[in-house]
Amino acid sequence: MQTRLTNKFRQAPERILICVPWFYEVQGAEADGRPLKVQDGRLILTPSTRAVKIKGSIKPGTPELSYENAVRDYKKEYRARYQEFLRTGQVRR
């Protein structure tokens, strides 16, 4: 992935954070041609950064992520919670 930043800030931030999703393995990253390291799951950029390149891939074993799967899993979870409520009268939080 490659992107360019315009850096047109009214008030420049101290830094720009790019959060790396839990399912993505960064194999290399650069900001304006200089190498970046992932720190605590984030790439940290200076406000003057103009170009960012990130190389990587989805981690093996990552479940298929889609809207349909998210809705299916949501319905499954809340069906189970409702059934538990009907059975016990208790609300799980």
N, C-alpha and C. Protein backbone atom coordinates (compact mmCIF):
# COMPACT_ATOMS: atom_id res chain seq x y z
N MET A 1 0.84 -1.16 0.00
CA MET A 1 0.00 0.00 0.00
C MET A 1 0.90 1.23 0.00
N GLN A 2 0.45 2.22 -0.72
CA GLN A 2 1.22 3.46 -0.80
C GLN A 2 0.23 4.62 -0.76
N THR A 3 0.56 5.66 -0.01
CA THR A 3 -0.31 6.83 0.04
C THR A 3 0.52 8.11 0.17
N ARG A 4 -0.08 9.18 -0.25
CA ARG A 4 0.55 10.50 -0.12
C ARG A 4 -0.28 11.34 0.82
N LEU A 5 0.40 12.16 1.63
CA LEU A 5 -0.28 13.03 2.58
C LEU A 5 -0.12 14.48 2.12
N THR A 6 -1.16 15.28 2.29
CA THR A 6 -1.10 16.67 1.84
C THR A 6 -0.55 17.60 2.92
N ASN A 7 -0.66 17.21 4.18
CA ASN A 7 -0.09 17.98 5.29
C ASN A 7 -0.61 19.41 5.36
N LYS A 8 -1.85 19.63 5.03
CA LYS A 8 -2.44 20.96 5.14
C LYS A 8 -3.22 21.03 6.44
N PHE A 9 -2.51 21.30 7.52
CA PHE A 9 -3.11 21.35 8.85
C PHE A 9 -3.35 22.80 9.26
N ARG A 10 -4.48 23.04 9.93
CA ARG A 10 -4.65 24.35 10.58
C ARG A 10 -3.69 24.44 11.75
N GLN A 11 -3.64 23.34 12.48
CA GLN A 11 -2.70 23.23 13.60
C GLN A 11 -2.08 21.84 13.51
N ALA A 12 -0.81 21.78 13.24
CA ALA A 12 -0.14 20.49 13.03
C ALA A 12 -0.17 19.64 14.30
N PRO A 13 -0.46 18.35 14.15
CA PRO A 13 -0.42 17.45 15.31
C PRO A 13 1.03 17.16 15.70
N GLU A 14 1.21 16.60 16.90
CA GLU A 14 2.55 16.19 17.32
C GLU A 14 3.06 15.05 16.45
N ARG A 15 2.13 14.15 16.10
CA ARG A 15 2.49 12.99 15.29
C ARG A 15 1.23 12.46 14.61
N ILE A 16 1.44 11.61 13.63
CA ILE A 16 0.35 10.94 12.93
C ILE A 16 0.52 9.45 13.19
N LEU A 17 -0.54 8.81 13.65
CA LEU A 17 -0.50 7.38 13.95
C LEU A 17 -1.29 6.59 12.91
N ILE A 18 -0.68 5.53 12.42
CA ILE A 18 -1.38 4.58 11.56
C ILE A 18 -1.46 3.29 12.35
N CYS A 19 -2.67 2.89 12.70
CA CYS A 19 -2.87 1.65 13.46
C CYS A 19 -2.87 0.47 12.49
N VAL A 20 -2.08 -0.54 12.83
CA VAL A 20 -1.99 -1.74 12.01
C VAL A 20 -3.05 -2.72 12.52
N PRO A 21 -3.95 -3.18 11.65
CA PRO A 21 -4.98 -4.12 12.09
C PRO A 21 -4.36 -5.41 12.64
N TRP A 22 -5.06 -6.03 13.57
CA TRP A 22 -4.56 -7.24 14.24
C TRP A 22 -4.29 -8.36 13.26
N PHE A 23 -4.94 -8.35 12.11
CA PHE A 23 -4.83 -9.45 11.15
C PHE A 23 -3.79 -9.19 10.06
N TYR A 24 -3.05 -8.07 10.17
CA TYR A 24 -2.11 -7.69 9.12
C TYR A 24 -0.68 -7.77 9.63
N GLU A 25 0.18 -8.40 8.85
CA GLU A 25 1.60 -8.55 9.17
C GLU A 25 2.40 -7.57 8.33
N VAL A 26 2.97 -6.55 8.96
CA VAL A 26 3.79 -5.58 8.24
C VAL A 26 5.18 -6.19 8.02
N GLN A 27 5.60 -6.23 6.76
CA GLN A 27 6.91 -6.78 6.42
C GLN A 27 7.92 -5.67 6.14
N GLY A 28 7.41 -4.48 5.99
CA GLY A 28 8.29 -3.32 5.78
C GLY A 28 7.46 -2.07 5.64
N ALA A 29 7.99 -0.96 6.11
CA ALA A 29 7.29 0.31 5.99
C ALA A 29 8.31 1.44 5.84
N GLU A 30 7.91 2.46 5.08
CA GLU A 30 8.77 3.62 4.86
C GLU A 30 7.96 4.90 4.94
N ALA A 31 8.57 5.92 5.47
CA ALA A 31 7.99 7.27 5.47
C ALA A 31 9.00 8.16 4.76
N ASP A 32 8.60 8.71 3.65
CA ASP A 32 9.49 9.55 2.84
C ASP A 32 10.82 8.85 2.54
N GLY A 33 10.74 7.55 2.26
CA GLY A 33 11.92 6.78 1.89
C GLY A 33 12.76 6.27 3.05
N ARG A 34 12.40 6.64 4.29
CA ARG A 34 13.13 6.17 5.47
C ARG A 34 12.37 5.03 6.13
N PRO A 35 13.08 4.00 6.60
CA PRO A 35 12.38 2.86 7.20
C PRO A 35 11.64 3.24 8.49
N LEU A 36 10.50 2.58 8.67
CA LEU A 36 9.69 2.74 9.88
C LEU A 36 9.55 1.39 10.56
N LYS A 37 9.42 1.40 11.86
CA LYS A 37 9.15 0.17 12.62
C LYS A 37 7.78 0.28 13.24
N VAL A 38 7.11 -0.87 13.34
CA VAL A 38 5.83 -0.92 14.03
C VAL A 38 6.12 -0.86 15.53
N GLN A 39 5.46 0.08 16.22
CA GLN A 39 5.63 0.24 17.66
C GLN A 39 4.25 0.13 18.31
N ASP A 40 4.06 -0.89 19.15
CA ASP A 40 2.78 -1.11 19.82
C ASP A 40 1.62 -1.17 18.82
N GLY A 41 1.85 -1.83 17.69
CA GLY A 41 0.80 -2.00 16.70
C GLY A 41 0.51 -0.76 15.87
N ARG A 42 1.43 0.20 15.88
CA ARG A 42 1.22 1.45 15.15
C ARG A 42 2.47 1.88 14.41
N LEU A 43 2.26 2.61 13.35
CA LEU A 43 3.35 3.31 12.68
C LEU A 43 3.22 4.77 13.10
N ILE A 44 4.32 5.36 13.52
CA ILE A 44 4.30 6.73 14.02
C ILE A 44 5.03 7.62 13.02
N LEU A 45 4.30 8.63 12.52
CA LEU A 45 4.84 9.54 11.51
C LEU A 45 4.96 10.94 12.06
N THR A 46 5.87 11.71 11.51
CA THR A 46 5.93 13.13 11.84
C THR A 46 4.91 13.86 10.98
N PRO A 47 4.45 15.03 11.42
CA PRO A 47 3.46 15.77 10.63
C PRO A 47 3.98 16.22 9.27
N SER A 48 5.28 16.23 9.09
CA SER A 48 5.85 16.65 7.80
C SER A 48 5.93 15.51 6.80
N THR A 49 5.58 14.29 7.19
CA THR A 49 5.65 13.14 6.29
C THR A 49 4.76 13.36 5.08
N ARG A 50 5.30 13.08 3.91
CA ARG A 50 4.55 13.29 2.66
C ARG A 50 4.13 11.99 1.98
N ALA A 51 4.92 10.92 2.15
CA ALA A 51 4.61 9.65 1.47
C ALA A 51 4.86 8.49 2.42
N VAL A 52 3.94 7.53 2.39
CA VAL A 52 4.05 6.33 3.24
C VAL A 52 3.88 5.10 2.36
N LYS A 53 4.77 4.13 2.54
CA LYS A 53 4.66 2.83 1.86
C LYS A 53 4.64 1.76 2.93
N ILE A 54 3.71 0.82 2.80
CA ILE A 54 3.61 -0.30 3.74
C ILE A 54 3.53 -1.58 2.92
N LYS A 55 4.43 -2.52 3.23
CA LYS A 55 4.41 -3.83 2.57
C LYS A 55 4.04 -4.86 3.63
N GLY A 56 3.18 -5.80 3.25
CA GLY A 56 2.80 -6.84 4.17
C GLY A 56 1.72 -7.72 3.59
N SER A 57 1.12 -8.52 4.47
CA SER A 57 0.07 -9.43 4.03
C SER A 57 -0.84 -9.78 5.21
N ILE A 58 -1.97 -10.34 4.87
CA ILE A 58 -2.90 -10.81 5.89
C ILE A 58 -2.29 -12.05 6.54
N LYS A 59 -2.35 -12.10 7.87
CA LYS A 59 -1.75 -13.22 8.61
C LYS A 59 -2.47 -14.53 8.29
N PRO A 60 -1.70 -15.63 8.21
CA PRO A 60 -2.33 -16.93 7.99
C PRO A 60 -3.30 -17.25 9.12
N GLY A 61 -4.40 -17.90 8.77
CA GLY A 61 -5.38 -18.29 9.77
C GLY A 61 -6.39 -17.21 10.11
N THR A 62 -6.28 -16.06 9.47
CA THR A 62 -7.23 -14.98 9.72
C THR A 62 -8.58 -15.38 9.14
N PRO A 63 -9.65 -15.29 9.94
CA PRO A 63 -10.96 -15.64 9.41
C PRO A 63 -11.36 -14.67 8.29
N GLU A 64 -12.21 -15.14 7.41
CA GLU A 64 -12.68 -14.28 6.32
C GLU A 64 -13.52 -13.16 6.92
N LEU A 65 -13.09 -11.94 6.66
CA LEU A 65 -13.79 -10.77 7.20
C LEU A 65 -14.69 -10.18 6.13
N SER A 66 -15.99 -10.10 6.46
CA SER A 66 -16.94 -9.50 5.54
C SER A 66 -18.14 -9.00 6.32
N TYR A 67 -18.90 -8.16 5.70
CA TYR A 67 -20.12 -7.64 6.33
C TYR A 67 -21.07 -8.79 6.65
N GLU A 68 -21.25 -9.70 5.70
CA GLU A 68 -22.16 -10.82 5.90
C GLU A 68 -21.74 -11.68 7.10
N ASN A 69 -20.44 -11.96 7.23
CA ASN A 69 -19.95 -12.75 8.37
C ASN A 69 -20.14 -11.99 9.68
N ALA A 70 -19.90 -10.70 9.67
CA ALA A 70 -20.07 -9.91 10.89
C ALA A 70 -21.53 -9.92 11.34
N VAL A 71 -22.47 -9.77 10.40
CA VAL A 71 -23.90 -9.79 10.74
C VAL A 71 -24.29 -11.18 11.25
N ARG A 72 -23.81 -12.22 10.59
CA ARG A 72 -24.11 -13.59 11.01
C ARG A 72 -23.61 -13.83 12.44
N ASP A 73 -22.38 -13.43 12.71
CA ASP A 73 -21.81 -13.63 14.05
C ASP A 73 -22.55 -12.81 15.10
N TYR A 74 -22.95 -11.59 14.75
CA TYR A 74 -23.71 -10.72 15.66
C TYR A 74 -25.04 -11.38 16.02
N LYS A 75 -25.75 -11.85 15.00
CA LYS A 75 -27.05 -12.49 15.24
C LYS A 75 -26.89 -13.75 16.10
N LYS A 76 -25.85 -14.51 15.82
CA LYS A 76 -25.61 -15.74 16.59
C LYS A 76 -25.35 -15.42 18.06
N GLU A 77 -24.50 -14.43 18.32
CA GLU A 77 -24.18 -14.04 19.70
C GLU A 77 -25.42 -13.53 20.44
N TYR A 78 -26.18 -12.66 19.81
CA TYR A 78 -27.33 -12.09 20.51
C TYR A 78 -28.51 -13.05 20.59
N ARG A 79 -28.59 -14.01 19.69
CA ARG A 79 -29.58 -15.08 19.83
C ARG A 79 -29.25 -15.89 21.08
N ALA A 80 -27.96 -16.21 21.26
CA ALA A 80 -27.53 -16.97 22.44
C ALA A 80 -27.79 -16.17 23.72
N ARG A 81 -27.53 -14.87 23.70
CA ARG A 81 -27.80 -14.04 24.89
C ARG A 81 -29.29 -13.99 25.21
N TYR A 82 -30.11 -13.89 24.18
CA TYR A 82 -31.56 -13.85 24.40
C TYR A 82 -32.06 -15.17 24.95
N GLN A 83 -31.55 -16.26 24.41
CA GLN A 83 -31.95 -17.59 24.91
C GLN A 83 -31.53 -17.74 26.38
N GLU A 84 -30.36 -17.26 26.73
CA GLU A 84 -29.90 -17.31 28.13
C GLU A 84 -30.81 -16.46 29.02
N PHE A 85 -31.21 -15.30 28.53
CA PHE A 85 -32.12 -14.43 29.29
C PHE A 85 -33.46 -15.12 29.51
N LEU A 86 -33.99 -15.75 28.47
CA LEU A 86 -35.27 -16.45 28.61
C LEU A 86 -35.16 -17.59 29.62
N ARG A 87 -34.02 -18.26 29.61
CA ARG A 87 -33.81 -19.41 30.50
C ARG A 87 -33.57 -18.98 31.94
N THR A 88 -32.77 -17.91 32.15
CA THR A 88 -32.33 -17.56 33.51
C THR A 88 -32.88 -16.23 34.01
N GLY A 89 -33.32 -15.38 33.12
CA GLY A 89 -33.76 -14.04 33.52
C GLY A 89 -32.59 -13.10 33.75
N GLN A 90 -31.37 -13.56 33.55
CA GLN A 90 -30.16 -12.77 33.76
C GLN A 90 -29.70 -12.12 32.46
N VAL A 91 -29.23 -10.89 32.57
CA VAL A 91 -28.68 -10.19 31.41
C VAL A 91 -27.17 -10.23 31.51
N ARG A 92 -26.52 -10.77 30.48
CA ARG A 92 -25.05 -10.82 30.44
C ARG A 92 -24.54 -9.52 29.86
N ARG A 93 -23.55 -8.95 30.48
CA ARG A 93 -22.98 -7.67 29.98
C ARG A 93 -21.58 -7.87 29.50
